[in-house]
Structures are given as C-alpha cells and as structure tokens.
N, C-alpha and C. Protein backbone atom coordinates (compact mmCIF):
# COMPACT_ATOMS: atom_id res chain seq x y z
N UNK A 1 -69.39 -12.39 15.73
CA UNK A 1 -68.61 -12.18 16.88
C UNK A 1 -69.30 -11.95 18.43
N UNK A 2 -68.52 -12.37 19.26
CA UNK A 2 -68.80 -12.69 20.75
C UNK A 2 -68.96 -11.02 21.57
N UNK A 3 -70.04 -10.86 22.18
CA UNK A 3 -70.26 -9.79 22.86
C UNK A 3 -69.18 -10.02 24.46
N UNK A 4 -68.80 -9.27 25.01
CA UNK A 4 -68.22 -9.35 26.15
C UNK A 4 -68.52 -10.61 26.92
N UNK A 5 -69.63 -10.58 27.34
CA UNK A 5 -70.41 -11.22 28.81
C UNK A 5 -70.27 -12.70 27.82
N UNK A 6 -70.11 -13.00 26.57
CA UNK A 6 -70.10 -14.24 26.14
C UNK A 6 -68.94 -14.75 26.37
N UNK A 7 -67.98 -13.72 26.01
CA UNK A 7 -66.59 -14.36 26.27
C UNK A 7 -65.99 -14.83 27.53
N UNK A 8 -67.01 -14.06 28.48
CA UNK A 8 -66.30 -14.43 29.74
C UNK A 8 -66.95 -15.70 30.36
N UNK A 9 -68.38 -15.77 29.73
CA UNK A 9 -68.94 -17.06 30.04
C UNK A 9 -68.47 -18.33 29.24
N UNK A 10 -67.58 -17.94 27.92
CA UNK A 10 -66.80 -19.05 27.81
C UNK A 10 -65.38 -19.50 28.12
N UNK A 11 -65.01 -18.18 28.26
CA UNK A 11 -63.48 -18.66 29.11
C UNK A 11 -63.57 -19.16 30.42
N UNK A 12 -64.76 -18.95 31.19
CA UNK A 12 -64.92 -19.40 32.58
C UNK A 12 -65.48 -21.09 32.58
N UNK A 13 -66.25 -21.31 31.76
CA UNK A 13 -66.59 -22.38 31.36
C UNK A 13 -65.32 -23.61 30.70
N UNK A 14 -64.53 -22.93 29.98
CA UNK A 14 -63.74 -23.82 29.31
C UNK A 14 -62.28 -23.72 29.67
N UNK A 15 -61.78 -22.62 30.51
CA UNK A 15 -60.36 -22.95 31.31
C UNK A 15 -59.95 -24.22 31.50
N UNK A 16 -58.69 -24.24 31.36
CA UNK A 16 -57.93 -25.48 32.02
C UNK A 16 -57.19 -24.86 33.23
N UNK A 17 -56.80 -25.65 34.10
CA UNK A 17 -55.96 -25.54 35.30
C UNK A 17 -54.62 -24.91 35.00
N UNK A 18 -53.64 -24.85 33.86
CA UNK A 18 -52.45 -23.93 33.89
C UNK A 18 -52.68 -23.01 32.79
N UNK A 19 -52.06 -21.78 33.56
CA UNK A 19 -52.22 -20.55 32.84
C UNK A 19 -51.92 -20.96 31.29
N UNK A 20 -50.93 -21.19 30.94
CA UNK A 20 -50.21 -21.53 29.47
C UNK A 20 -51.14 -22.73 28.53
N UNK A 21 -51.83 -23.27 29.34
CA UNK A 21 -52.89 -23.91 28.39
C UNK A 21 -54.30 -23.53 28.46
N UNK A 22 -54.59 -22.26 28.28
CA UNK A 22 -55.83 -21.73 28.36
C UNK A 22 -56.40 -21.97 27.01
N UNK A 23 -57.72 -22.21 26.60
CA UNK A 23 -58.19 -22.43 25.87
C UNK A 23 -58.16 -20.94 24.78
N UNK A 24 -57.68 -21.08 23.33
CA UNK A 24 -58.14 -19.68 23.03
C UNK A 24 -59.43 -19.44 22.64
N UNK A 25 -59.93 -18.07 22.80
CA UNK A 25 -61.50 -17.77 22.59
C UNK A 25 -61.59 -18.09 20.67
N UNK A 26 -60.61 -17.59 20.09
CA UNK A 26 -60.80 -17.74 18.70
C UNK A 26 -60.92 -18.95 18.63
N UNK A 27 -60.31 -20.00 19.25
CA UNK A 27 -60.47 -21.64 18.48
C UNK A 27 -62.23 -22.09 19.12
N UNK A 28 -62.24 -21.72 20.01
CA UNK A 28 -63.74 -21.77 20.63
C UNK A 28 -64.60 -21.36 19.39
N UNK A 29 -64.65 -20.15 19.19
CA UNK A 29 -65.50 -19.57 18.21
C UNK A 29 -65.40 -20.18 16.89
N UNK A 30 -64.05 -20.84 16.44
CA UNK A 30 -64.20 -21.73 15.17
C UNK A 30 -65.11 -22.82 15.52
N UNK A 31 -64.78 -23.43 16.36
CA UNK A 31 -65.46 -24.84 16.70
C UNK A 31 -66.88 -24.32 16.57
N UNK A 32 -67.40 -23.36 17.27
CA UNK A 32 -68.95 -23.20 17.24
C UNK A 32 -69.27 -22.55 15.94
N UNK A 33 -68.69 -22.03 14.97
CA UNK A 33 -69.10 -21.84 13.34
C UNK A 33 -68.83 -22.99 12.80
N UNK A 34 -68.48 -24.00 12.92
CA UNK A 34 -68.12 -25.55 12.34
C UNK A 34 -69.51 -26.42 12.79
N UNK A 35 -70.10 -25.98 14.11
CA UNK A 35 -70.88 -26.79 14.73
C UNK A 35 -72.28 -27.08 13.64
N UNK A 36 -73.01 -27.93 13.61
CA UNK A 36 -74.39 -28.46 12.98
C UNK A 36 -75.18 -27.15 13.36
N UNK A 37 -75.96 -26.56 12.72
CA UNK A 37 -76.47 -25.55 12.84
C UNK A 37 -77.78 -25.83 14.39
N UNK A 38 -78.26 -27.02 14.33
CA UNK A 38 -78.99 -27.45 15.48
C UNK A 38 -78.55 -27.07 16.88
N UNK A 39 -77.55 -27.73 16.86
CA UNK A 39 -76.43 -27.82 18.07
C UNK A 39 -76.09 -26.24 18.43
N UNK A 40 -75.75 -25.73 17.47
CA UNK A 40 -74.87 -24.42 17.63
C UNK A 40 -76.36 -23.36 18.13
N UNK A 41 -77.53 -23.36 17.39
CA UNK A 41 -78.58 -22.73 17.94
C UNK A 41 -78.95 -22.89 19.33
N UNK A 42 -79.21 -24.10 19.63
CA UNK A 42 -79.57 -24.49 21.14
C UNK A 42 -78.50 -24.15 21.93
N UNK A 43 -76.96 -24.12 21.74
CA UNK A 43 -75.92 -24.19 22.76
C UNK A 43 -75.96 -22.35 23.01
N UNK A 44 -76.31 -21.76 21.81
CA UNK A 44 -75.99 -20.05 21.84
C UNK A 44 -77.25 -19.79 22.68
N UNK A 45 -78.27 -20.19 22.71
CA UNK A 45 -79.57 -20.16 23.64
C UNK A 45 -79.67 -20.33 24.78
N UNK A 46 -78.81 -21.45 25.10
CA UNK A 46 -78.74 -21.95 26.51
C UNK A 46 -77.53 -21.42 27.08
N UNK A 47 -76.05 -21.70 26.51
CA UNK A 47 -75.17 -21.19 27.31
C UNK A 47 -74.55 -19.84 27.09
N UNK A 48 -75.16 -19.15 26.10
CA UNK A 48 -74.84 -17.64 25.96
C UNK A 48 -75.81 -16.89 26.40
N UNK A 49 -76.97 -17.16 25.91
CA UNK A 49 -78.12 -16.11 26.22
C UNK A 49 -78.99 -16.58 27.40
N UNK A 50 -78.77 -17.48 27.87
CA UNK A 50 -79.34 -18.04 29.22
C UNK A 50 -80.90 -18.52 29.19
N UNK A 51 -81.12 -18.70 28.03
CA UNK A 51 -82.71 -19.24 28.01
C UNK A 51 -82.97 -20.81 28.86
N UNK A 52 -83.77 -21.22 29.30
CA UNK A 52 -84.03 -22.39 29.59
C UNK A 52 -84.78 -23.34 28.61
N UNK A 53 -84.40 -24.69 28.75
CA UNK A 53 -84.93 -25.67 27.80
C UNK A 53 -86.09 -25.55 27.19
N UNK A 54 -87.15 -24.99 28.29
CA UNK A 54 -88.27 -24.85 28.14
C UNK A 54 -88.80 -23.76 27.19
N UNK A 55 -88.25 -22.46 27.31
CA UNK A 55 -87.92 -21.72 26.36
C UNK A 55 -87.44 -21.84 25.15
N UNK A 56 -86.41 -22.62 25.19
CA UNK A 56 -86.01 -23.00 23.96
C UNK A 56 -86.73 -23.61 22.79
N UNK A 57 -87.33 -24.81 23.64
CA UNK A 57 -88.43 -25.59 22.77
C UNK A 57 -89.37 -24.93 22.20
N UNK A 58 -89.90 -24.07 23.29
CA UNK A 58 -91.02 -22.97 22.66
C UNK A 58 -90.71 -22.34 21.41
N UNK A 59 -89.26 -21.27 21.44
CA UNK A 59 -88.78 -20.95 20.44
C UNK A 59 -88.57 -21.53 19.26
N UNK A 60 -88.03 -22.59 19.51
CA UNK A 60 -87.70 -23.40 18.14
C UNK A 60 -88.87 -24.64 17.83
N UNK A 61 -89.80 -24.36 18.31
CA UNK A 61 -91.05 -25.31 18.19
C UNK A 61 -90.28 -26.55 18.06
N UNK A 62 -89.85 -27.28 19.21
CA UNK A 62 -89.22 -28.56 19.06
C UNK A 62 -89.59 -29.12 20.70
N UNK A 63 -89.51 -30.54 21.24
CA UNK A 63 -89.93 -30.95 22.54
C UNK A 63 -88.74 -30.16 23.20
N UNK A 64 -88.62 -30.54 24.38
CA UNK A 64 -88.06 -29.85 25.45
C UNK A 64 -86.84 -30.69 25.44
N UNK A 65 -86.79 -32.05 25.37
CA UNK A 65 -85.83 -33.30 25.31
C UNK A 65 -84.97 -32.99 24.38
N UNK A 66 -85.44 -32.81 23.09
CA UNK A 66 -84.55 -32.32 21.83
C UNK A 66 -83.88 -31.39 22.21
N UNK A 67 -84.25 -30.23 22.76
CA UNK A 67 -83.06 -29.10 23.25
C UNK A 67 -82.17 -29.93 23.89
N UNK A 68 -82.62 -30.52 25.33
CA UNK A 68 -81.51 -30.73 25.96
C UNK A 68 -80.65 -32.15 25.06
N UNK A 69 -80.98 -32.74 24.41
CA UNK A 69 -80.29 -33.81 23.65
C UNK A 69 -79.36 -32.91 22.59
N UNK A 70 -79.93 -31.64 21.88
CA UNK A 70 -79.01 -30.99 21.02
C UNK A 70 -77.98 -30.26 21.93
N UNK A 71 -78.31 -29.80 23.12
CA UNK A 71 -77.29 -29.29 24.12
C UNK A 71 -75.82 -30.20 24.61
N UNK A 72 -76.37 -31.48 24.85
CA UNK A 72 -75.34 -32.52 25.02
C UNK A 72 -74.54 -32.72 23.72
N UNK A 73 -75.11 -32.99 22.46
CA UNK A 73 -74.31 -33.40 21.52
C UNK A 73 -73.27 -31.88 21.27
N UNK A 74 -73.66 -31.10 21.37
CA UNK A 74 -73.23 -29.62 21.08
C UNK A 74 -71.97 -29.83 22.19
N UNK A 75 -72.04 -29.83 23.17
CA UNK A 75 -71.08 -30.05 24.38
C UNK A 75 -69.89 -30.84 23.99
N UNK A 76 -70.33 -32.31 23.50
CA UNK A 76 -69.51 -33.27 23.19
C UNK A 76 -68.94 -33.16 21.95
N UNK A 77 -69.31 -32.52 20.59
CA UNK A 77 -68.83 -31.92 19.49
C UNK A 77 -67.82 -30.94 19.80
N UNK A 78 -67.88 -30.05 20.69
CA UNK A 78 -67.10 -29.01 21.05
C UNK A 78 -65.95 -29.68 21.94
N UNK A 79 -66.35 -30.59 22.69
CA UNK A 79 -64.51 -31.34 23.52
C UNK A 79 -64.13 -31.74 22.45
N UNK A 80 -64.60 -32.65 21.82
CA UNK A 80 -63.98 -33.39 20.89
C UNK A 80 -63.09 -32.65 19.72
N UNK A 81 -63.58 -31.84 19.60
CA UNK A 81 -62.83 -30.50 18.14
C UNK A 81 -61.73 -30.28 19.11
N UNK A 82 -62.07 -29.64 20.53
CA UNK A 82 -60.92 -28.78 20.71
C UNK A 82 -60.19 -29.78 21.31
N UNK A 83 -60.52 -30.99 21.75
CA UNK A 83 -59.36 -31.97 22.03
C UNK A 83 -58.36 -32.21 20.87
N UNK A 84 -59.21 -32.63 19.53
CA UNK A 84 -58.48 -32.85 18.17
C UNK A 84 -57.45 -31.74 18.02
N UNK A 85 -58.13 -30.71 18.17
CA UNK A 85 -57.10 -29.29 17.71
C UNK A 85 -56.00 -29.29 18.75
N UNK A 86 -56.00 -29.31 19.90
CA UNK A 86 -55.13 -29.16 20.94
C UNK A 86 -53.98 -30.12 20.83
N UNK A 87 -54.25 -31.60 20.37
CA UNK A 87 -53.40 -32.65 20.59
C UNK A 87 -52.60 -32.17 19.20
N UNK A 88 -53.47 -31.82 18.05
CA UNK A 88 -52.38 -31.44 16.79
C UNK A 88 -51.58 -30.47 16.95
N UNK A 89 -51.96 -29.41 17.91
CA UNK A 89 -51.08 -28.28 18.21
C UNK A 89 -49.79 -28.71 18.93
N UNK A 90 -50.08 -29.57 20.03
CA UNK A 90 -48.99 -30.26 21.10
C UNK A 90 -47.85 -31.13 20.23
N UNK A 91 -48.50 -31.77 18.92
CA UNK A 91 -47.67 -33.05 18.37
C UNK A 91 -46.51 -31.86 17.65
C-alpha cells in the first residue's frame, strides 16, 4: 500500500494532459507489483523514498551504475506495461 506522499509523486510524474486520460493509481500499483524485484526495489528507493543512486548502491551492495540501469529498466518496464494496458482498455 502506498503512503499519501508516494501517491502524489506517482500521480505527478505519470499524469497525462487530458483529465479523462489520467492514469489510475491502482494500475500503476499493479505494474509495480509485477515488476521484477531488482527493478522494483531500485524504483521504490529512488522515486518513492528519494535516495540517491550512491545511497542505493551502498544499501544494496551494488554498483552505482547498476542502480541507474535498474531504474532505467524499471521506468521502461512501467511505460510499456501501462501503454499495453491502456491500448487494451481503448480497444
């Protein structure tokens, strides 16, 4: 379950221009739950909790570039899954 400020971060970062086309926070949450653990962990630490890549690397005992790569992959994963969900909803 997301905290209020986490919901605000996600909704601000993922909103679309038209009000009828706003992403449903539940959809975002579902995609996060399906995301591979490594992607999800880095995404949550960076985007939700606000840690830097250096801090994440230290916490997870990984290379800083690995943290950056995992975040990039997490974002791409989320974009692709949400596009797919929305294209099915429009069909």
